[in-house]
PDB file of N, CA and C in Angstrom:
ATOM      1  N   UNK A   1       1.079  -1.236  -0.030  1.00  0.00           N
ATOM      2  CA  UNK A   1       0.395   0.339   0.190  1.00  0.00           C
ATOM      3  C   UNK A   1       0.765   1.339   0.079  1.00  0.00           C
ATOM      4  N   UNK A   2       0.681   2.204  -0.548  1.00  0.00           N
ATOM      5  CA  UNK A   2       1.262   3.520  -0.859  1.00  0.00           C
ATOM      6  C   UNK A   2       1.216   4.606   0.177  1.00  0.00           C
ATOM      7  N   UNK A   3       1.605   5.349   0.049  1.00  0.00           N
ATOM      8  CA  UNK A   3       1.701   6.131   1.443  1.00  0.00           C
ATOM      9  C   UNK A   3       0.502   7.188   1.215  1.00  0.00           C
ATOM     10  N   UNK A   4       0.157   7.489   0.396  1.00  0.00           N
ATOM     11  CA  UNK A   4      -1.284   8.551   0.040  1.00  0.00           C
ATOM     12  C   UNK A   4      -2.433   7.673   0.384  1.00  0.00           C
ATOM     13  N   UNK A   5      -2.335   6.490   0.172  1.00  0.00           N
ATOM     14  CA  UNK A   5      -3.616   4.777   0.498  1.00  0.00           C
ATOM     15  C   UNK A   5      -3.533   5.155   1.970  1.00  0.00           C
ATOM     16  N   UNK A   6      -2.267   4.836   2.682  1.00  0.00           N
ATOM     17  CA  UNK A   6      -2.061   4.561   3.956  1.00  0.00           C
ATOM     18  C   UNK A   6      -2.747   5.835   4.832  1.00  0.00           C
ATOM     19  N   UNK A   7      -2.017   6.620   4.525  1.00  0.00           N
ATOM     20  CA  UNK A   7      -2.716   7.711   5.100  1.00  0.00           C
ATOM     21  C   UNK A   7      -3.965   8.026   5.529  1.00  0.00           C
ATOM     22  N   UNK A   8      -4.954   7.858   3.956  1.00  0.00           N
ATOM     23  CA  UNK A   8      -6.483   7.864   3.804  1.00  0.00           C
ATOM     24  C   UNK A   8      -6.614   7.003   4.783  1.00  0.00           C
ATOM     25  N   UNK A   9      -6.573   5.580   4.661  1.00  0.00           N
ATOM     26  CA  UNK A   9      -7.513   4.858   5.141  1.00  0.00           C
ATOM     27  C   UNK A   9      -6.733   4.547   7.203  1.00  0.00           C
ATOM     28  N   UNK A  10      -6.213   5.034   6.907  1.00  0.00           N
ATOM     29  CA  UNK A  10      -5.714   5.703   8.308  1.00  0.00           C
ATOM     30  C   UNK A  10      -6.535   6.558   9.438  1.00  0.00           C
ATOM     31  N   UNK A  11      -6.832   7.461   7.945  1.00  0.00           N
ATOM     32  CA  UNK A  11      -7.417   9.045   8.749  1.00  0.00           C
ATOM     33  C   UNK A  11      -8.353   9.299   8.348  1.00  0.00           C
ATOM     34  N   UNK A  12      -9.161   8.673   7.760  1.00  0.00           N
ATOM     35  CA  UNK A  12     -10.130   8.815   7.449  1.00  0.00           C
ATOM     36  C   UNK A  12     -11.327   7.444   8.593  1.00  0.00           C
ATOM     37  N   UNK A  13     -12.776   7.486   8.651  1.00  0.00           N
ATOM     38  CA  UNK A  13     -13.140   6.992   9.300  1.00  0.00           C
ATOM     39  C   UNK A  13     -13.231   5.410   8.505  1.00  0.00           C
ATOM     40  N   UNK A  14     -13.526   4.654   9.135  1.00  0.00           N
ATOM     41  CA  UNK A  14     -13.659   2.930   8.941  1.00  0.00           C
ATOM     42  C   UNK A  14     -14.179   2.624   7.356  1.00  0.00           C
ATOM     43  N   UNK A  15     -15.508   3.406   7.493  1.00  0.00           N
ATOM     44  CA  UNK A  15     -16.766   3.155   6.546  1.00  0.00           C
ATOM     45  C   UNK A  15     -16.477   3.810   5.227  1.00  0.00           C
ATOM     46  N   UNK A  16     -15.894   5.129   5.626  1.00  0.00           N
ATOM     47  CA  UNK A  16     -15.410   5.815   4.445  1.00  0.00           C
ATOM     48  C   UNK A  16     -14.184   5.499   3.773  1.00  0.00           C
ATOM     49  N   UNK A  17     -13.487   4.738   4.334  1.00  0.00           N
ATOM     50  CA  UNK A  17     -11.948   4.264   3.981  1.00  0.00           C
ATOM     51  C   UNK A  17     -12.281   2.770   3.116  1.00  0.00           C
ATOM     52  N   UNK A  18     -13.209   2.520   3.462  1.00  0.00           N
ATOM     53  CA  UNK A  18     -13.932   0.958   2.594  1.00  0.00           C
ATOM     54  C   UNK A  18     -15.048   1.695   1.139  1.00  0.00           C
ATOM     55  N   UNK A  19     -15.472   2.352   0.970  1.00  0.00           N
ATOM     56  CA  UNK A  19     -16.002   2.937   0.570  1.00  0.00           C
ATOM     57  C   UNK A  19     -15.011   3.146  -0.654  1.00  0.00           C
ATOM     58  N   UNK A  20     -13.407   4.609  -0.408  1.00  0.00           N
ATOM     59  CA  UNK A  20     -12.863   4.881  -1.259  1.00  0.00           C
ATOM     60  C   UNK A  20     -12.194   3.353  -1.612  1.00  0.00           C
ATOM     61  N   UNK A  21     -11.967   2.439  -0.783  1.00  0.00           N
ATOM     62  CA  UNK A  21     -11.018   1.482  -1.310  1.00  0.00           C
ATOM     63  C   UNK A  21     -11.609   1.150  -2.533  1.00  0.00           C
ATOM     64  N   UNK A  22     -13.211   0.597  -2.432  1.00  0.00           N
ATOM     65  CA  UNK A  22     -13.880  -0.546  -3.123  1.00  0.00           C
ATOM     66  C   UNK A  22     -14.334   0.910  -4.484  1.00  0.00           C
ATOM     67  N   UNK A  23     -14.095   1.948  -4.454  1.00  0.00           N
ATOM     68  CA  UNK A  23     -14.565   2.420  -6.050  1.00  0.00           C
ATOM     69  C   UNK A  23     -13.511   2.668  -6.417  1.00  0.00           C
ATOM     70  N   UNK A  24     -12.367   2.699  -5.872  1.00  0.00           N
ATOM     71  CA  UNK A  24     -10.578   3.069  -6.555  1.00  0.00           C
ATOM     72  C   UNK A  24     -10.314   1.547  -7.600  1.00  0.00           C
ATOM     73  N   UNK A  25     -10.948   0.782  -6.834  1.00  0.00           N
ATOM     74  CA  UNK A  25     -11.049  -0.901  -7.507  1.00  0.00           C
ATOM     75  C   UNK A  25     -11.614  -1.392  -8.470  1.00  0.00           C
ATOM     76  N   UNK A  26     -12.772  -0.371  -9.167  1.00  0.00           N
ATOM     77  CA  UNK A  26     -13.372  -0.209 -10.028  1.00  0.00           C
ATOM     78  C   UNK A  26     -13.038   0.798 -10.865  1.00  0.00           C
ATOM     79  N   UNK A  27     -11.864   1.278 -10.977  1.00  0.00           N
ATOM     80  CA  UNK A  27     -11.296   2.434 -11.836  1.00  0.00           C
ATOM     81  C   UNK A  27      -9.866   1.560 -12.360  1.00  0.00           C
ATOM     82  N   UNK A  28     -10.077   1.007 -13.626  1.00  0.00           N
ATOM     83  CA  UNK A  28      -9.039   0.185 -14.001  1.00  0.00           C
ATOM     84  C   UNK A  28      -8.378   0.525 -15.734  1.00  0.00           C
ATOM     85  N   UNK A  29      -6.971   0.242 -15.997  1.00  0.00           N
ATOM     86  CA  UNK A  29      -6.402   0.629 -16.887  1.00  0.00           C
ATOM     87  C   UNK A  29      -6.092  -0.992 -17.723  1.00  0.00           C
ATOM     88  N   UNK A  30      -6.200  -1.063 -19.198  1.00  0.00           N
ATOM     89  CA  UNK A  30      -6.307  -1.729 -19.828  1.00  0.00           C
ATOM     90  C   UNK A  30      -4.681  -1.940 -20.435  1.00  0.00           C
ATOM     91  N   UNK A  31      -3.704  -3.458 -20.264  1.00  0.00           N
ATOM     92  CA  UNK A  31      -2.626  -2.728 -20.749  1.00  0.00           C
ATOM     93  C   UNK A  31      -2.297  -3.491 -22.314  1.00  0.00           C
ATOM     94  N   UNK A  32      -2.031  -2.766 -22.905  1.00  0.00           N
ATOM     95  CA  UNK A  32      -2.070  -2.893 -24.752  1.00  0.00           C
ATOM     96  C   UNK A  32      -0.788  -4.256 -24.762  1.00  0.00           C
ATOM     97  N   UNK A  33       0.055  -4.393 -23.984  1.00  0.00           N
ATOM     98  CA  UNK A  33       0.408  -5.527 -24.441  1.00  0.00           C
ATOM     99  C   UNK A  33       0.273  -7.059 -24.134  1.00  0.00           C
ATOM    100  N   UNK A  34      -0.837  -6.743 -22.632  1.00  0.00           N
ATOM    101  CA  UNK A  34      -1.069  -8.527 -22.640  1.00  0.00           C
ATOM    102  C   UNK A  34      -2.512  -8.422 -22.197  1.00  0.00           C
ATOM    103  N   UNK A  35      -3.053  -7.052 -22.334  1.00  0.00           N
ATOM    104  CA  UNK A  35      -4.497  -7.480 -22.120  1.00  0.00           C
ATOM    105  C   UNK A  35      -5.154  -7.325 -20.339  1.00  0.00           C
ATOM    106  N   UNK A  36      -4.190  -7.505 -19.754  1.00  0.00           N
ATOM    107  CA  UNK A  36      -4.598  -7.833 -18.331  1.00  0.00           C
ATOM    108  C   UNK A  36      -5.084  -6.100 -17.600  1.00  0.00           C
ATOM    109  N   UNK A  37      -6.354  -6.349 -17.517  1.00  0.00           N
ATOM    110  CA  UNK A  37      -6.212  -5.380 -16.539  1.00  0.00           C
ATOM    111  C   UNK A  37      -6.089  -5.113 -14.836  1.00  0.00           C
ATOM    112  N   UNK A  38      -5.285  -3.779 -14.449  1.00  0.00           N
ATOM    113  CA  UNK A  38      -5.225  -3.218 -13.402  1.00  0.00           C
ATOM    114  C   UNK A  38      -5.195  -1.790 -12.788  1.00  0.00           C
ATOM    115  N   UNK A  39      -6.090  -2.345 -11.520  1.00  0.00           N
ATOM    116  CA  UNK A  39      -7.145  -1.455 -10.952  1.00  0.00           C
ATOM    117  C   UNK A  39      -6.269   0.216 -10.269  1.00  0.00           C
ATOM    118  N   UNK A  40      -6.749   1.172 -10.474  1.00  0.00           N
ATOM    119  CA  UNK A  40      -5.805   1.870  -9.720  1.00  0.00           C
ATOM    120  C   UNK A  40      -5.742   1.965  -8.427  1.00  0.00           C
ATOM    121  N   UNK A  41      -6.009   1.311  -7.429  1.00  0.00           N
ATOM    122  CA  UNK A  41      -5.825   0.901  -6.137  1.00  0.00           C
ATOM    123  C   UNK A  41      -4.785   0.027  -6.138  1.00  0.00           C
ATOM    124  N   UNK A  42      -4.770  -0.886  -7.194  1.00  0.00           N
ATOM    125  CA  UNK A  42      -3.512  -1.830  -6.932  1.00  0.00           C
ATOM    126  C   UNK A  42      -1.986  -1.710  -7.720  1.00  0.00           C
ATOM    127  N   UNK A  43      -2.536  -0.113  -8.504  1.00  0.00           N
ATOM    128  CA  UNK A  43      -1.108   1.076  -9.067  1.00  0.00           C
ATOM    129  C   UNK A  43      -0.698   1.340  -8.481  1.00  0.00           C
ATOM    130  N   UNK A  44      -1.288   1.596  -6.721  1.00  0.00           N
ATOM    131  CA  UNK A  44      -1.166   2.591  -5.581  1.00  0.00           C
ATOM    132  C   UNK A  44      -1.787   4.128  -5.591  1.00  0.00           C
ATOM    133  N   UNK A  45      -2.822   4.185  -6.679  1.00  0.00           N
ATOM    134  CA  UNK A  45      -3.511   5.185  -7.038  1.00  0.00           C
ATOM    135  C   UNK A  45      -5.183   4.697  -5.834  1.00  0.00           C
ATOM    136  N   UNK A  46      -5.672   6.440  -5.752  1.00  0.00           N
ATOM    137  CA  UNK A  46      -6.776   6.757  -5.478  1.00  0.00           C
ATOM    138  C   UNK A  46      -7.584   7.478  -6.299  1.00  0.00           C
ATOM    139  N   UNK A  47      -9.087   6.674  -6.831  1.00  0.00           N
ATOM    140  CA  UNK A  47      -9.898   7.540  -7.803  1.00  0.00           C
ATOM    141  C   UNK A  47     -10.831   7.727  -6.594  1.00  0.00           C
ATOM    142  N   UNK A  48     -11.737   8.833  -6.429  1.00  0.00           N
ATOM    143  CA  UNK A  48     -12.982   8.464  -5.709  1.00  0.00           C
ATOM    144  C   UNK A  48     -13.804   9.563  -6.150  1.00  0.00           C
ATOM    145  N   UNK A  49     -15.021   9.470  -6.063  1.00  0.00           N
ATOM    146  CA  UNK A  49     -15.900  10.215  -6.233  1.00  0.00           C
ATOM    147  C   UNK A  49     -15.935  10.808  -7.630  1.00  0.00           C
ATOM    148  N   UNK A  50     -15.711  10.571  -8.916  1.00  0.00           N
ATOM    149  CA  UNK A  50     -14.951  11.139 -10.033  1.00  0.00           C
ATOM    150  C   UNK A  50     -15.566  10.631 -11.017  1.00  0.00           C
ATOM    151  N   UNK A  51     -15.278  11.212 -12.475  1.00  0.00           N
ATOM    152  CA  UNK A  51     -15.927  10.994 -13.410  1.00  0.00           C
ATOM    153  C   UNK A  51     -14.674  11.291 -14.385  1.00  0.00           C
ATOM    154  N   UNK A  52     -15.493  10.786 -15.708  1.00  0.00           N
ATOM    155  CA  UNK A  52     -14.592  10.962 -16.909  1.00  0.00           C
ATOM    156  C   UNK A  52     -13.690   9.667 -17.100  1.00  0.00           C
ATOM    157  N   UNK A  53     -12.998   9.853 -18.260  1.00  0.00           N
ATOM    158  CA  UNK A  53     -12.136   9.004 -18.286  1.00  0.00           C
ATOM    159  C   UNK A  53     -10.701   9.090 -18.975  1.00  0.00           C
ATOM    160  N   UNK A  54      -9.817   9.808 -17.863  1.00  0.00           N
ATOM    161  CA  UNK A  54      -9.014  10.279 -18.443  1.00  0.00           C
ATOM    162  C   UNK A  54      -7.596   9.702 -19.162  1.00  0.00           C
ATOM    163  N   UNK A  55      -6.803   9.686 -19.339  1.00  0.00           N
ATOM    164  CA  UNK A  55      -5.672   8.781 -19.640  1.00  0.00           C
ATOM    165  C   UNK A  55      -4.235   9.351 -18.826  1.00  0.00           C
ATOM    166  N   UNK A  56      -4.131   8.424 -18.429  1.00  0.00           N
ATOM    167  CA  UNK A  56      -2.776   8.475 -17.656  1.00  0.00           C
ATOM    168  C   UNK A  56      -1.658   7.486 -17.716  1.00  0.00           C
ATOM    169  N   UNK A  57      -0.627   7.499 -17.147  1.00  0.00           N
ATOM    170  CA  UNK A  57       0.612   6.982 -17.251  1.00  0.00           C
ATOM    171  C   UNK A  57       0.388   5.634 -16.148  1.00  0.00           C
ATOM    172  N   UNK A  58       0.496   4.435 -16.160  1.00  0.00           N
ATOM    173  CA  UNK A  58       0.358   2.740 -15.304  1.00  0.00           C
ATOM    174  C   UNK A  58       1.794   2.026 -16.042  1.00  0.00           C
ATOM    175  N   UNK A  59       1.685   0.826 -14.982  1.00  0.00           N
ATOM    176  CA  UNK A  59       2.432   0.029 -15.455  1.00  0.00           C
ATOM    177  C   UNK A  59       1.543  -0.992 -14.753  1.00  0.00           C
ATOM    178  N   UNK A  60       1.868  -2.421 -15.747  1.00  0.00           N
ATOM    179  CA  UNK A  60       0.843  -3.047 -15.962  1.00  0.00           C
ATOM    180  C   UNK A  60       1.242  -4.144 -14.765  1.00  0.00           C
ATOM    181  N   UNK A  61       0.573  -4.844 -13.530  1.00  0.00           N
ATOM    182  CA  UNK A  61       1.220  -5.594 -12.309  1.00  0.00           C
ATOM    183  C   UNK A  61       1.131  -6.883 -13.320  1.00  0.00           C
ATOM    184  N   UNK A  62       1.029  -6.941 -14.028  1.00  0.00           N
ATOM    185  CA  UNK A  62       1.175  -9.232 -14.807  1.00  0.00           C
ATOM    186  C   UNK A  62       2.630  -8.558 -15.568  1.00  0.00           C
ATOM    187  N   UNK A  63       2.446  -8.092 -16.949  1.00  0.00           N
ATOM    188  CA  UNK A  63       3.756  -7.891 -17.527  1.00  0.00           C
ATOM    189  C   UNK A  63       4.957  -6.900 -17.223  1.00  0.00           C
ATOM    190  N   UNK A  64       4.507  -5.987 -16.664  1.00  0.00           N
ATOM    191  CA  UNK A  64       5.473  -4.638 -15.962  1.00  0.00           C
ATOM    192  C   UNK A  64       5.267  -3.958 -16.861  1.00  0.00           C
ATOM    193  N   UNK A  65       5.021  -3.853 -18.019  1.00  0.00           N
ATOM    194  CA  UNK A  65       5.246  -2.598 -19.346  1.00  0.00           C
ATOM    195  C   UNK A  65       3.913  -1.527 -18.765  1.00  0.00           C
ATOM    196  N   UNK A  66       5.207  -0.276 -18.907  1.00  0.00           N
ATOM    197  CA  UNK A  66       4.691   1.135 -18.977  1.00  0.00           C
ATOM    198  C   UNK A  66       4.212   1.567 -20.029  1.00  0.00           C
ATOM    199  N   UNK A  67       2.656   2.041 -19.484  1.00  0.00           N
ATOM    200  CA  UNK A  67       2.046   2.369 -20.917  1.00  0.00           C
ATOM    201  C   UNK A  67       1.093   4.066 -20.194  1.00  0.00           C
ATOM    202  N   UNK A  68       0.696   4.375 -21.784  1.00  0.00           N
ATOM    203  CA  UNK A  68      -0.172   4.959 -21.817  1.00  0.00           C
ATOM    204  C   UNK A  68      -1.892   4.656 -21.578  1.00  0.00           C
ATOM    205  N   UNK A  69      -2.801   4.918 -20.699  1.00  0.00           N
ATOM    206  CA  UNK A  69      -3.586   3.943 -21.105  1.00  0.00           C
ATOM    207  C   UNK A  69      -5.010   5.190 -20.284  1.00  0.00           C
ATOM    208  N   UNK A  70      -6.213   5.060 -20.879  1.00  0.00           N
ATOM    209  CA  UNK A  70      -7.016   5.282 -21.083  1.00  0.00           C
ATOM    210  C   UNK A  70      -7.885   4.407 -19.191  1.00  0.00           C
ATOM    211  N   UNK A  71      -8.309   5.363 -18.136  1.00  0.00           N
ATOM    212  CA  UNK A  71      -8.566   5.294 -16.890  1.00  0.00           C
ATOM    213  C   UNK A  71     -10.293   4.671 -17.136  1.00  0.00           C
ATOM    214  N   UNK A  72     -11.188   3.923 -17.179  1.00  0.00           N
ATOM    215  CA  UNK A  72     -12.495   3.577 -17.512  1.00  0.00           C
ATOM    216  C   UNK A  72     -12.946   2.489 -16.023  1.00  0.00           C
ATOM    217  N   UNK A  73     -14.174   2.891 -15.435  1.00  0.00           N
ATOM    218  CA  UNK A  73     -14.433   2.136 -14.558  1.00  0.00           C
ATOM    219  C   UNK A  73     -15.520   0.977 -14.750  1.00  0.00           C
ATOM    220  N   UNK A  74     -15.357  -0.083 -13.928  1.00  0.00           N
ATOM    221  CA  UNK A  74     -15.437  -1.305 -14.066  1.00  0.00           C
ATOM    222  C   UNK A  74     -16.542  -1.165 -13.536  1.00  0.00           C
ATOM    223  N   UNK A  75     -17.916  -2.254 -14.231  1.00  0.00           N
ATOM    224  CA  UNK A  75     -19.388  -1.902 -13.281  1.00  0.00           C
ATOM    225  C   UNK A  75     -18.252  -3.008 -12.160  1.00  0.00           C
ATOM    226  N   UNK A  76     -18.981  -2.088 -11.063  1.00  0.00           N
ATOM    227  CA  UNK A  76     -19.072  -2.816  -9.336  1.00  0.00           C
ATOM    228  C   UNK A  76     -19.604  -4.106  -9.136  1.00  0.00           C
ATOM    229  N   UNK A  77     -18.851  -5.046  -8.978  1.00  0.00           N
ATOM    230  CA  UNK A  77     -19.039  -6.575  -8.238  1.00  0.00           C
ATOM    231  C   UNK A  77     -20.235  -6.843  -7.398  1.00  0.00           C
ATOM    232  N   UNK A  78     -21.071  -7.470  -7.624  1.00  0.00           N
ATOM    233  CA  UNK A  78     -22.438  -7.241  -6.558  1.00  0.00           C
ATOM    234  C   UNK A  78     -21.811  -8.542  -5.488  1.00  0.00           C
ATOM    235  N   UNK A  79     -22.489  -8.493  -4.318  1.00  0.00           N
ATOM    236  CA  UNK A  79     -21.485  -9.045  -3.623  1.00  0.00           C
ATOM    237  C   UNK A  79     -22.951 -10.055  -2.763  1.00  0.00           C
ATOM    238  N   UNK A  80     -24.466  -9.948  -3.537  1.00  0.00           N
ATOM    239  CA  UNK A  80     -25.378 -10.460  -3.302  1.00  0.00           C
ATOM    240  C   UNK A  80     -25.982 -11.153  -4.038  1.00  0.00           C
ATOM    241  N   UNK A  81     -26.386 -12.664  -3.477  1.00  0.00           N
ATOM    242  CA  UNK A  81     -27.077 -13.641  -4.148  1.00  0.00           C
ATOM    243  C   UNK A  81     -28.047 -13.642  -4.933  1.00  0.00           C
ATOM    244  N   UNK A  82     -27.986 -13.973  -6.263  1.00  0.00           N
ATOM    245  CA  UNK A  82     -29.158 -13.247  -7.461  1.00  0.00           C
ATOM    246  C   UNK A  82     -30.296 -14.582  -6.664  1.00  0.00           C
TER     247      UNK A  82
END
């Protein structure tokens, strides 16, 4: 966990920190080299209450390729049974 993630999860109330982490995990970038999706949280970042699809530099968690990619929001996975 990066410093900014440690600070926010430590200083914010537990419920807010959990919401921040959950939403940050839904924002992902796709590696053009291997096609792996990596969340902004896995990259050490935070994205909360955001909109749009900005372009950012990232590094793939799978192949470690550095690339310029577009952030997009993946639909949050439901934990409720159908």
